[in-house]
Amino acid sequence: MADVKKMVDDTKEYFNELKLEMRRVTWPSRQQVESTTAVVIFSVFAFAGYFAIVDSVLGEGIHRVLNFFTK
């Protein structure tokens, strides 16, 4: 029974510390969230385009090399 009481007390202490820590968090403003989200979305599309170009160039190069050696 003592183990159950200790577990309940530990759980209460954990949630109290969690609430205290969440009060200390500095939350970003809506403008900061929107601007960083826009940067992330732009970066994802930029990298996707870059990798699509690199993939097509390398794919074509490998295709030409294989055709050269199979003829």
C-alpha atoms as a PDB file:
ATOM      1  CA  MET A   1       0.000   0.000   0.000  1.00  0.00           C
ATOM      2  CA  ALA A   2       2.920   2.313   0.668  1.00  0.00           C
ATOM      3  CA  ASP A   3       4.128   1.799  -2.894  1.00  0.00           C
ATOM      4  CA  VAL A   4       0.780   2.938  -4.296  1.00  0.00           C
ATOM      5  CA  LYS A   5       0.767   6.046  -2.068  1.00  0.00           C
ATOM      6  CA  LYS A   6       4.341   6.879  -3.144  1.00  0.00           C
ATOM      7  CA  MET A   7       3.397   6.446  -6.792  1.00  0.00           C
ATOM      8  CA  VAL A   8       0.375   8.756  -6.397  1.00  0.00           C
ATOM      9  CA  ASP A   9       2.494  11.363  -4.594  1.00  0.00           C
ATOM     10  CA  ASP A  10       5.207  11.152  -7.257  1.00  0.00           C
ATOM     11  CA  THR A  11       2.607  11.598  -9.988  1.00  0.00           C
ATOM     12  CA  LYS A  12       1.125  14.661  -8.268  1.00  0.00           C
ATOM     13  CA  GLU A  13       4.601  16.136  -7.818  1.00  0.00           C
ATOM     14  CA  TYR A  14       5.397  15.498 -11.491  1.00  0.00           C
ATOM     15  CA  PHE A  15       2.281  17.332 -12.686  1.00  0.00           C
ATOM     16  CA  ASN A  16       2.887  20.242 -10.294  1.00  0.00           C
ATOM     17  CA  GLU A  17       6.435  20.605 -11.612  1.00  0.00           C
ATOM     18  CA  LEU A  18       5.134  20.307 -15.157  1.00  0.00           C
ATOM     19  CA  LYS A  19       2.668  23.183 -14.612  1.00  0.00           C
ATOM     20  CA  LEU A  20       5.420  25.297 -13.080  1.00  0.00           C
ATOM     21  CA  GLU A  21       7.757  24.638 -16.007  1.00  0.00           C
ATOM     22  CA  MET A  22       5.048  25.417 -18.578  1.00  0.00           C
ATOM     23  CA  ARG A  23       4.585  28.851 -16.954  1.00  0.00           C
ATOM     24  CA  ARG A  24       8.272  29.551 -17.571  1.00  0.00           C
ATOM     25  CA  VAL A  25       8.102  28.797 -21.284  1.00  0.00           C
ATOM     26  CA  THR A  26       8.451  31.763 -23.621  1.00  0.00           C
ATOM     27  CA  TRP A  27       5.912  31.167 -26.358  1.00  0.00           C
ATOM     28  CA  PRO A  28       6.513  32.633 -29.843  1.00  0.00           C
ATOM     29  CA  SER A  29       4.118  35.205 -31.240  1.00  0.00           C
ATOM     30  CA  ARG A  30       1.763  34.353 -34.077  1.00  0.00           C
ATOM     31  CA  GLN A  31       3.905  36.426 -36.469  1.00  0.00           C
ATOM     32  CA  GLN A  32       7.044  34.473 -35.506  1.00  0.00           C
ATOM     33  CA  VAL A  33       5.267  31.147 -36.048  1.00  0.00           C
ATOM     34  CA  GLU A  34       3.915  32.244 -39.436  1.00  0.00           C
ATOM     35  CA  SER A  35       7.289  33.532 -40.645  1.00  0.00           C
ATOM     36  CA  THR A  36       9.240  30.453 -39.556  1.00  0.00           C
ATOM     37  CA  THR A  37       6.570  28.213 -41.078  1.00  0.00           C
ATOM     38  CA  ALA A  38       6.891  30.079 -44.379  1.00  0.00           C
ATOM     39  CA  VAL A  39      10.677  29.643 -44.284  1.00  0.00           C
ATOM     40  CA  VAL A  40      10.315  25.905 -43.640  1.00  0.00           C
ATOM     41  CA  ILE A  41       7.775  25.435 -46.448  1.00  0.00           C
ATOM     42  CA  PHE A  42       9.930  27.399 -48.898  1.00  0.00           C
ATOM     43  CA  SER A  43      13.025  25.395 -47.877  1.00  0.00           C
ATOM     44  CA  VAL A  44      11.236  22.087 -48.356  1.00  0.00           C
ATOM     45  CA  PHE A  45      10.152  23.018 -51.879  1.00  0.00           C
ATOM     46  CA  ALA A  46      13.591  24.427 -52.732  1.00  0.00           C
ATOM     47  CA  PHE A  47      15.344  21.247 -51.602  1.00  0.00           C
ATOM     48  CA  ALA A  48      12.752  19.100 -53.381  1.00  0.00           C
ATOM     49  CA  GLY A  49      13.418  20.977 -56.619  1.00  0.00           C
ATOM     50  CA  TYR A  50      17.182  20.724 -56.140  1.00  0.00           C
ATOM     51  CA  PHE A  51      17.041  16.992 -55.484  1.00  0.00           C
ATOM     52  CA  ALA A  52      14.691  16.449 -58.447  1.00  0.00           C
ATOM     53  CA  ILE A  53      17.188  18.172 -60.742  1.00  0.00           C
ATOM     54  CA  VAL A  54      20.161  16.255 -59.296  1.00  0.00           C
ATOM     55  CA  ASP A  55      18.214  12.987 -59.553  1.00  0.00           C
ATOM     56  CA  SER A  56      17.305  13.555 -63.195  1.00  0.00           C
ATOM     57  CA  VAL A  57      20.872  14.586 -64.129  1.00  0.00           C
ATOM     58  CA  LEU A  58      22.408  11.580 -62.388  1.00  0.00           C
ATOM     59  CA  GLY A  59      19.743   9.255 -63.752  1.00  0.00           C
ATOM     60  CA  GLU A  60      20.347  10.433 -67.304  1.00  0.00           C
ATOM     61  CA  GLY A  61      24.115  10.150 -66.822  1.00  0.00           C
ATOM     62  CA  ILE A  62      23.855   6.594 -65.541  1.00  0.00           C
ATOM     63  CA  HIS A  63      21.460   5.728 -68.352  1.00  0.00           C
ATOM     64  CA  ARG A  64      23.928   7.020 -70.964  1.00  0.00           C
ATOM     65  CA  VAL A  65      26.859   5.177 -69.365  1.00  0.00           C
ATOM     66  CA  LEU A  66      24.921   1.916 -69.284  1.00  0.00           C
ATOM     67  CA  ASN A  67      23.808   2.347 -72.910  1.00  0.00           C
ATOM     68  CA  PHE A  68      27.402   3.066 -73.944  1.00  0.00           C
ATOM     69  CA  PHE A  69      28.700  -0.168 -72.401  1.00  0.00           C
ATOM     70  CA  THR A  70      25.829  -2.372 -73.552  1.00  0.00           C
ATOM     71  CA  LYS A  71      26.219  -1.504 -77.254  1.00  0.00           C
END
